[in-house]
């Protein structure tokens, strides 16, 4: 694998861990170093760091808070 690709992967901990989990990417990047963008996108998707995943986590948090508020209101209303 090219030295600049290895250096780039080692500069980011998530990429370093991802290539250990998915060793097929090592072979792909050795043959086609221009697929580094696809590798990074796959890593971001694997670790759920995309905007979609962040919005989904936020939405789940808001739903949980809403359910807790409803539960507290129901408890207060029954007393």
PDB file of N, CA and C in Angstrom:
ATOM      1  N   UNK A   1       0.845  -1.172   0.000  1.00  0.00           N
ATOM      2  CA  UNK A   1       0.000   0.000   0.000  1.00  0.00           C
ATOM      3  C   UNK A   1       0.890   1.235   0.000  1.00  0.00           C
ATOM      4  N   UNK A   2       0.433   2.273  -0.653  1.00  0.00           N
ATOM      5  CA  UNK A   2       1.226   3.506  -0.726  1.00  0.00           C
ATOM      6  C   UNK A   2       1.431   4.123   0.654  1.00  0.00           C
ATOM      7  N   UNK A   3       2.592   4.735   0.819  1.00  0.00           N
ATOM      8  CA  UNK A   3       2.948   5.314   2.109  1.00  0.00           C
ATOM      9  C   UNK A   3       1.986   6.426   2.507  1.00  0.00           C
ATOM     10  N   UNK A   4       1.569   7.263   1.562  1.00  0.00           N
ATOM     11  CA  UNK A   4       0.660   8.365   1.917  1.00  0.00           C
ATOM     12  C   UNK A   4      -0.713   7.845   2.345  1.00  0.00           C
ATOM     13  N   UNK A   5      -1.140   6.721   1.782  1.00  0.00           N
ATOM     14  CA  UNK A   5      -2.416   6.120   2.185  1.00  0.00           C
ATOM     15  C   UNK A   5      -2.288   5.546   3.594  1.00  0.00           C
ATOM     16  N   UNK A   6      -1.194   4.851   3.857  1.00  0.00           N
ATOM     17  CA  UNK A   6      -0.957   4.293   5.188  1.00  0.00           C
ATOM     18  C   UNK A   6      -0.873   5.410   6.225  1.00  0.00           C
ATOM     19  N   UNK A   7      -0.150   6.466   5.902  1.00  0.00           N
ATOM     20  CA  UNK A   7      -0.025   7.593   6.831  1.00  0.00           C
ATOM     21  C   UNK A   7      -1.384   8.229   7.106  1.00  0.00           C
ATOM     22  N   UNK A   8      -2.197   8.361   6.063  1.00  0.00           N
ATOM     23  CA  UNK A   8      -3.527   8.948   6.235  1.00  0.00           C
ATOM     24  C   UNK A   8      -4.395   8.072   7.135  1.00  0.00           C
ATOM     25  N   UNK A   9      -4.358   6.765   6.918  1.00  0.00           N
ATOM     26  CA  UNK A   9      -5.154   5.840   7.737  1.00  0.00           C
ATOM     27  C   UNK A   9      -4.689   5.874   9.188  1.00  0.00           C
ATOM     28  N   UNK A  10      -3.390   5.904   9.401  1.00  0.00           N
ATOM     29  CA  UNK A  10      -2.856   5.911  10.763  1.00  0.00           C
ATOM     30  C   UNK A  10      -3.076   7.249  11.470  1.00  0.00           C
ATOM     31  N   UNK A  11      -3.377   8.295  10.714  1.00  0.00           N
ATOM     32  CA  UNK A  11      -3.615   9.599  11.331  1.00  0.00           C
ATOM     33  C   UNK A  11      -5.001   9.697  11.950  1.00  0.00           C
ATOM     34  N   UNK A  12      -5.897   8.783  11.584  1.00  0.00           N
ATOM     35  CA  UNK A  12      -7.264   8.803  12.106  1.00  0.00           C
ATOM     36  C   UNK A  12      -7.571   7.461  12.760  1.00  0.00           C
ATOM     37  N   UNK A  13      -7.892   7.496  14.036  1.00  0.00           N
ATOM     38  CA  UNK A  13      -8.101   6.279  14.806  1.00  0.00           C
ATOM     39  C   UNK A  13      -9.266   5.449  14.272  1.00  0.00           C
ATOM     40  N   UNK A  14     -10.356   6.098  13.853  1.00  0.00           N
ATOM     41  CA  UNK A  14     -11.509   5.349  13.335  1.00  0.00           C
ATOM     42  C   UNK A  14     -11.138   4.562  12.079  1.00  0.00           C
ATOM     43  N   UNK A  15     -10.357   5.164  11.198  1.00  0.00           N
ATOM     44  CA  UNK A  15      -9.945   4.468   9.972  1.00  0.00           C
ATOM     45  C   UNK A  15      -9.024   3.300  10.303  1.00  0.00           C
ATOM     46  N   UNK A  16      -8.174   3.525  11.258  1.00  0.00           N
ATOM     47  CA  UNK A  16      -7.238   2.481  11.678  1.00  0.00           C
ATOM     48  C   UNK A  16      -8.002   1.279  12.241  1.00  0.00           C
ATOM     49  N   UNK A  17      -8.998   1.546  13.071  1.00  0.00           N
ATOM     50  CA  UNK A  17      -9.802   0.465  13.641  1.00  0.00           C
ATOM     51  C   UNK A  17     -10.664  -0.203  12.575  1.00  0.00           C
ATOM     52  N   UNK A  18     -11.195   0.589  11.654  1.00  0.00           N
ATOM     53  CA  UNK A  18     -12.070   0.048  10.623  1.00  0.00           C
ATOM     54  C   UNK A  18     -11.327  -0.913   9.698  1.00  0.00           C
ATOM     55  N   UNK A  19     -10.087  -0.583   9.360  1.00  0.00           N
ATOM     56  CA  UNK A  19      -9.333  -1.465   8.462  1.00  0.00           C
ATOM     57  C   UNK A  19      -8.984  -2.774   9.177  1.00  0.00           C
ATOM     58  N   UNK A  20      -8.932  -2.744  10.505  1.00  0.00           N
ATOM     59  CA  UNK A  20      -8.716  -3.986  11.260  1.00  0.00           C
ATOM     60  C   UNK A  20      -9.977  -4.839  11.266  1.00  0.00           C
ATOM     61  N   UNK A  21     -11.132  -4.180  11.321  1.00  0.00           N
ATOM     62  CA  UNK A  21     -12.406  -4.896  11.328  1.00  0.00           C
ATOM     63  C   UNK A  21     -12.739  -5.414   9.929  1.00  0.00           C
ATOM     64  N   UNK A  22     -12.404  -4.637   8.918  1.00  0.00           N
ATOM     65  CA  UNK A  22     -12.699  -4.977   7.521  1.00  0.00           C
ATOM     66  C   UNK A  22     -11.386  -5.090   6.731  1.00  0.00           C
ATOM     67  N   UNK A  23     -10.635  -6.174   6.872  1.00  0.00           N
ATOM     68  CA  UNK A  23      -9.330  -6.278   6.207  1.00  0.00           C
ATOM     69  C   UNK A  23      -9.407  -6.334   4.677  1.00  0.00           C
ATOM     70  N   UNK A  24     -10.591  -6.573   4.143  1.00  0.00           N
ATOM     71  CA  UNK A  24     -10.725  -6.573   2.679  1.00  0.00           C
ATOM     72  C   UNK A  24     -10.364  -5.203   2.115  1.00  0.00           C
ATOM     73  N   UNK A  25     -10.592  -4.155   2.897  1.00  0.00           N
ATOM     74  CA  UNK A  25     -10.256  -2.809   2.433  1.00  0.00           C
ATOM     75  C   UNK A  25      -8.747  -2.632   2.264  1.00  0.00           C
ATOM     76  N   UNK A  26      -7.955  -3.358   3.020  1.00  0.00           N
ATOM     77  CA  UNK A  26      -6.501  -3.277   2.857  1.00  0.00           C
ATOM     78  C   UNK A  26      -6.114  -3.736   1.455  1.00  0.00           C
ATOM     79  N   UNK A  27      -6.716  -4.828   1.019  1.00  0.00           N
ATOM     80  CA  UNK A  27      -6.428  -5.340  -0.327  1.00  0.00           C
ATOM     81  C   UNK A  27      -6.946  -4.379  -1.395  1.00  0.00           C
ATOM     82  N   UNK A  28      -8.139  -3.851  -1.168  1.00  0.00           N
ATOM     83  CA  UNK A  28      -8.731  -2.922  -2.150  1.00  0.00           C
ATOM     84  C   UNK A  28      -7.862  -1.678  -2.285  1.00  0.00           C
ATOM     85  N   UNK A  29      -7.436  -1.117  -1.154  1.00  0.00           N
ATOM     86  CA  UNK A  29      -6.628   0.102  -1.197  1.00  0.00           C
ATOM     87  C   UNK A  29      -5.211  -0.161  -1.722  1.00  0.00           C
ATOM     88  N   UNK A  30      -4.714  -1.365  -1.552  1.00  0.00           N
ATOM     89  CA  UNK A  30      -3.401  -1.702  -2.109  1.00  0.00           C
ATOM     90  C   UNK A  30      -3.440  -1.688  -3.628  1.00  0.00           C
ATOM     91  N   UNK A  31      -4.558  -2.181  -4.182  1.00  0.00           N
ATOM     92  CA  UNK A  31      -4.694  -2.218  -5.643  1.00  0.00           C
ATOM     93  C   UNK A  31      -5.199  -0.900  -6.215  1.00  0.00           C
ATOM     94  N   UNK A  32      -6.104  -0.241  -5.493  1.00  0.00           N
ATOM     95  CA  UNK A  32      -6.738   0.992  -5.987  1.00  0.00           C
ATOM     96  C   UNK A  32      -6.708   2.070  -4.896  1.00  0.00           C
ATOM     97  N   UNK A  33      -5.594   2.759  -4.731  1.00  0.00           N
ATOM     98  CA  UNK A  33      -5.517   3.768  -3.662  1.00  0.00           C
ATOM     99  C   UNK A  33      -6.464   4.953  -3.887  1.00  0.00           C
ATOM    100  N   UNK A  34      -6.974   5.103  -5.108  1.00  0.00           N
ATOM    101  CA  UNK A  34      -7.902   6.209  -5.367  1.00  0.00           C
ATOM    102  C   UNK A  34      -9.285   5.950  -4.761  1.00  0.00           C
ATOM    103  N   UNK A  35      -9.504   4.773  -4.178  1.00  0.00           N
ATOM    104  CA  UNK A  35     -10.781   4.466  -3.531  1.00  0.00           C
ATOM    105  C   UNK A  35     -10.766   4.814  -2.038  1.00  0.00           C
ATOM    106  N   UNK A  36      -9.843   5.664  -1.665  1.00  0.00           N
ATOM    107  CA  UNK A  36      -9.743   6.088  -0.270  1.00  0.00           C
ATOM    108  C   UNK A  36     -11.020   6.799   0.188  1.00  0.00           C
ATOM    109  N   UNK A  37     -11.655   7.549  -0.707  1.00  0.00           N
ATOM    110  CA  UNK A  37     -12.906   8.224  -0.355  1.00  0.00           C
ATOM    111  C   UNK A  37     -14.003   7.217  -0.025  1.00  0.00           C
ATOM    112  N   UNK A  38     -14.095   6.149  -0.813  1.00  0.00           N
ATOM    113  CA  UNK A  38     -15.093   5.108  -0.551  1.00  0.00           C
ATOM    114  C   UNK A  38     -14.792   4.401   0.772  1.00  0.00           C
ATOM    115  N   UNK A  39     -13.519   4.181   1.044  1.00  0.00           N
ATOM    116  CA  UNK A  39     -13.117   3.564   2.306  1.00  0.00           C
ATOM    117  C   UNK A  39     -13.529   4.434   3.487  1.00  0.00           C
ATOM    118  N   UNK A  40     -13.268   5.729   3.368  1.00  0.00           N
ATOM    119  CA  UNK A  40     -13.620   6.642   4.454  1.00  0.00           C
ATOM    120  C   UNK A  40     -15.140   6.720   4.635  1.00  0.00           C
ATOM    121  N   UNK A  41     -15.882   6.720   3.533  1.00  0.00           N
ATOM    122  CA  UNK A  41     -17.347   6.738   3.608  1.00  0.00           C
ATOM    123  C   UNK A  41     -17.868   5.462   4.264  1.00  0.00           C
ATOM    124  N   UNK A  42     -17.280   4.328   3.935  1.00  0.00           N
ATOM    125  CA  UNK A  42     -17.688   3.058   4.546  1.00  0.00           C
ATOM    126  C   UNK A  42     -17.392   3.071   6.046  1.00  0.00           C
ATOM    127  N   UNK A  43     -16.278   3.667   6.421  1.00  0.00           N
ATOM    128  CA  UNK A  43     -15.923   3.763   7.830  1.00  0.00           C
ATOM    129  C   UNK A  43     -16.911   4.650   8.586  1.00  0.00           C
ATOM    130  N   UNK A  44     -17.244   5.777   8.022  1.00  0.00           N
ATOM    131  CA  UNK A  44     -18.199   6.700   8.654  1.00  0.00           C
ATOM    132  C   UNK A  44     -19.553   6.023   8.802  1.00  0.00           C
ATOM    133  N   UNK A  45     -19.963   5.291   7.785  1.00  0.00           N
ATOM    134  CA  UNK A  45     -21.240   4.588   7.843  1.00  0.00           C
ATOM    135  C   UNK A  45     -21.195   3.462   8.885  1.00  0.00           C
ATOM    136  N   UNK A  46     -20.070   2.762   8.957  1.00  0.00           N
ATOM    137  CA  UNK A  46     -19.917   1.659   9.916  1.00  0.00           C
ATOM    138  C   UNK A  46     -20.016   2.166  11.355  1.00  0.00           C
ATOM    139  N   UNK A  47     -19.384   3.290  11.645  1.00  0.00           N
ATOM    140  CA  UNK A  47     -19.394   3.852  12.989  1.00  0.00           C
ATOM    141  C   UNK A  47     -20.585   4.782  13.222  1.00  0.00           C
ATOM    142  N   UNK A  48     -21.509   4.830  12.270  1.00  0.00           N
ATOM    143  CA  UNK A  48     -22.752   5.601  12.359  1.00  0.00           C
ATOM    144  C   UNK A  48     -22.488   7.065  12.693  1.00  0.00           C
ATOM    145  N   UNK A  49     -21.609   7.687  11.926  1.00  0.00           N
ATOM    146  CA  UNK A  49     -21.291   9.098  12.121  1.00  0.00           C
ATOM    147  C   UNK A  49     -21.827   9.976  10.996  1.00  0.00           C
ATOM    148  N   UNK A  50     -22.729   9.434  10.190  1.00  0.00           N
ATOM    149  CA  UNK A  50     -23.304  10.229   9.114  1.00  0.00           C
ATOM    150  C   UNK A  50     -24.340  11.191   9.699  1.00  0.00           C
ATOM    151  N   UNK A  51     -24.734  12.182   8.923  1.00  0.00           N
ATOM    152  CA  UNK A  51     -25.737  13.147   9.364  1.00  0.00           C
ATOM    153  C   UNK A  51     -27.043  12.424   9.667  1.00  0.00           C
ATOM    154  N   UNK A  52     -27.385  11.461   8.826  1.00  0.00           N
ATOM    155  CA  UNK A  52     -28.613  10.693   9.036  1.00  0.00           C
ATOM    156  C   UNK A  52     -28.611  10.007  10.400  1.00  0.00           C
ATOM    157  N   UNK A  53     -27.505   9.388  10.760  1.00  0.00           N
ATOM    158  CA  UNK A  53     -27.418   8.704  12.042  1.00  0.00           C
ATOM    159  C   UNK A  53     -27.485   9.700  13.204  1.00  0.00           C
ATOM    160  N   UNK A  54     -26.853  10.857  13.054  1.00  0.00           N
ATOM    161  CA  UNK A  54     -26.882  11.858  14.121  1.00  0.00           C
ATOM    162  C   UNK A  54     -28.292  12.394  14.326  1.00  0.00           C
ATOM    163  N   UNK A  55     -29.008  12.644  13.227  1.00  0.00           N
ATOM    164  CA  UNK A  55     -30.386  13.115  13.328  1.00  0.00           C
ATOM    165  C   UNK A  55     -31.256  12.045  13.975  1.00  0.00           C
ATOM    166  N   UNK A  56     -31.036  10.809  13.606  1.00  0.00           N
ATOM    167  CA  UNK A  56     -31.813   9.709  14.168  1.00  0.00           C
ATOM    168  C   UNK A  56     -31.573   9.586  15.679  1.00  0.00           C
ATOM    169  N   UNK A  57     -30.313   9.710  16.114  1.00  0.00           N
ATOM    170  CA  UNK A  57     -30.012   9.661  17.542  1.00  0.00           C
ATOM    171  C   UNK A  57     -30.678  10.816  18.284  1.00  0.00           C
ATOM    172  N   UNK A  58     -30.623  12.012  17.689  1.00  0.00           N
ATOM    173  CA  UNK A  58     -31.254  13.177  18.301  1.00  0.00           C
ATOM    174  C   UNK A  58     -32.760  12.973  18.403  1.00  0.00           C
ATOM    175  N   UNK A  59     -33.362  12.475  17.339  1.00  0.00           N
ATOM    176  CA  UNK A  59     -34.804  12.227  17.314  1.00  0.00           C
ATOM    177  C   UNK A  59     -35.192  11.203  18.376  1.00  0.00           C
ATOM    178  N   UNK A  60     -34.415  10.156  18.514  1.00  0.00           N
ATOM    179  CA  UNK A  60     -34.685   9.152  19.541  1.00  0.00           C
ATOM    180  C   UNK A  60     -34.595   9.757  20.941  1.00  0.00           C
ATOM    181  N   UNK A  61     -33.637  10.651  21.150  1.00  0.00           N
ATOM    182  CA  UNK A  61     -33.504  11.325  22.440  1.00  0.00           C
ATOM    183  C   UNK A  61     -34.706  12.212  22.740  1.00  0.00           C
ATOM    184  N   UNK A  62     -35.181  12.932  21.728  1.00  0.00           N
ATOM    185  CA  UNK A  62     -36.349  13.793  21.904  1.00  0.00           C
ATOM    186  C   UNK A  62     -37.585  12.949  22.200  1.00  0.00           C
ATOM    187  N   UNK A  63     -37.740  11.839  21.490  1.00  0.00           N
ATOM    188  CA  UNK A  63     -38.876  10.956  21.751  1.00  0.00           C
ATOM    189  C   UNK A  63     -38.825  10.398  23.175  1.00  0.00           C
ATOM    190  N   UNK A  64     -37.650  10.031  23.633  1.00  0.00           N
ATOM    191  CA  UNK A  64     -37.501   9.505  24.985  1.00  0.00           C
ATOM    192  C   UNK A  64     -37.856  10.574  26.010  1.00  0.00           C
ATOM    193  N   UNK A  65     -37.390  11.787  25.800  1.00  0.00           N
ATOM    194  CA  UNK A  65     -37.701  12.879  26.721  1.00  0.00           C
ATOM    195  C   UNK A  65     -39.203  13.161  26.722  1.00  0.00           C
ATOM    196  N   UNK A  66     -39.830  13.113  25.572  1.00  0.00           N
ATOM    197  CA  UNK A  66     -41.269  13.337  25.470  1.00  0.00           C
ATOM    198  C   UNK A  66     -42.040  12.263  26.233  1.00  0.00           C
ATOM    199  N   UNK A  67     -41.633  11.033  26.081  1.00  0.00           N
ATOM    200  CA  UNK A  67     -42.300   9.939  26.795  1.00  0.00           C
ATOM    201  C   UNK A  67     -42.135  10.097  28.306  1.00  0.00           C
ATOM    202  N   UNK A  68     -40.969  10.515  28.739  1.00  0.00           N
ATOM    203  CA  UNK A  68     -40.727  10.729  30.170  1.00  0.00           C
ATOM    204  C   UNK A  68     -41.609  11.850  30.703  1.00  0.00           C
ATOM    205  N   UNK A  69     -41.741  12.928  29.940  1.00  0.00           N
ATOM    206  CA  UNK A  69     -42.593  14.043  30.357  1.00  0.00           C
ATOM    207  C   UNK A  69     -44.046  13.595  30.463  1.00  0.00           C
ATOM    208  N   UNK A  70     -44.513  12.822  29.505  1.00  0.00           N
ATOM    209  CA  UNK A  70     -45.885  12.320  29.547  1.00  0.00           C
ATOM    210  C   UNK A  70     -46.090  11.410  30.754  1.00  0.00           C
ATOM    211  N   UNK A  71     -45.091  10.602  31.051  1.00  0.00           N
ATOM    212  CA  UNK A  71     -45.183   9.702  32.182  1.00  0.00           C
ATOM    213  C   UNK A  71     -45.246  10.492  33.493  1.00  0.00           C
ATOM    214  N   UNK A  72     -44.408  11.518  33.623  1.00  0.00           N
ATOM    215  CA  UNK A  72     -44.424  12.347  34.825  1.00  0.00           C
ATOM    216  C   UNK A  72     -45.743  13.087  34.969  1.00  0.00           C
ATOM    217  N   UNK A  73     -46.268  13.596  33.843  1.00  0.00           N
ATOM    218  CA  UNK A  73     -47.556  14.285  33.885  1.00  0.00           C
ATOM    219  C   UNK A  73     -48.671  13.328  34.297  1.00  0.00           C
ATOM    220  N   UNK A  74     -48.642  12.113  33.795  1.00  0.00           N
ATOM    221  CA  UNK A  74     -49.654  11.126  34.155  1.00  0.00           C
ATOM    222  C   UNK A  74     -49.551  10.771  35.634  1.00  0.00           C
ATOM    223  N   UNK A  75     -48.346  10.701  36.159  1.00  0.00           N
ATOM    224  CA  UNK A  75     -48.153  10.411  37.585  1.00  0.00           C
ATOM    225  C   UNK A  75     -48.685  11.556  38.434  1.00  0.00           C
ATOM    226  N   UNK A  76     -48.430  12.803  38.013  1.00  0.00           N
ATOM    227  CA  UNK A  76     -48.896  13.965  38.760  1.00  0.00           C
ATOM    228  C   UNK A  76     -50.419  14.083  38.695  1.00  0.00           C
ATOM    229  N   UNK A  77     -50.992  13.754  37.548  1.00  0.00           N
ATOM    230  CA  UNK A  77     -52.441  13.839  37.386  1.00  0.00           C
ATOM    231  C   UNK A  77     -53.161  12.804  38.242  1.00  0.00           C
ATOM    232  N   UNK A  78     -52.560  11.661  38.435  1.00  0.00           N
ATOM    233  CA  UNK A  78     -53.212  10.596  39.215  1.00  0.00           C
ATOM    234  C   UNK A  78     -53.152  10.877  40.708  1.00  0.00           C
ATOM    235  N   UNK A  79     -52.276  11.753  41.153  1.00  0.00           N
ATOM    236  CA  UNK A  79     -52.151  12.063  42.584  1.00  0.00           C
ATOM    237  C   UNK A  79     -53.019  13.202  42.906  1.00  0.00           C
TER     238      UNK A  79
END
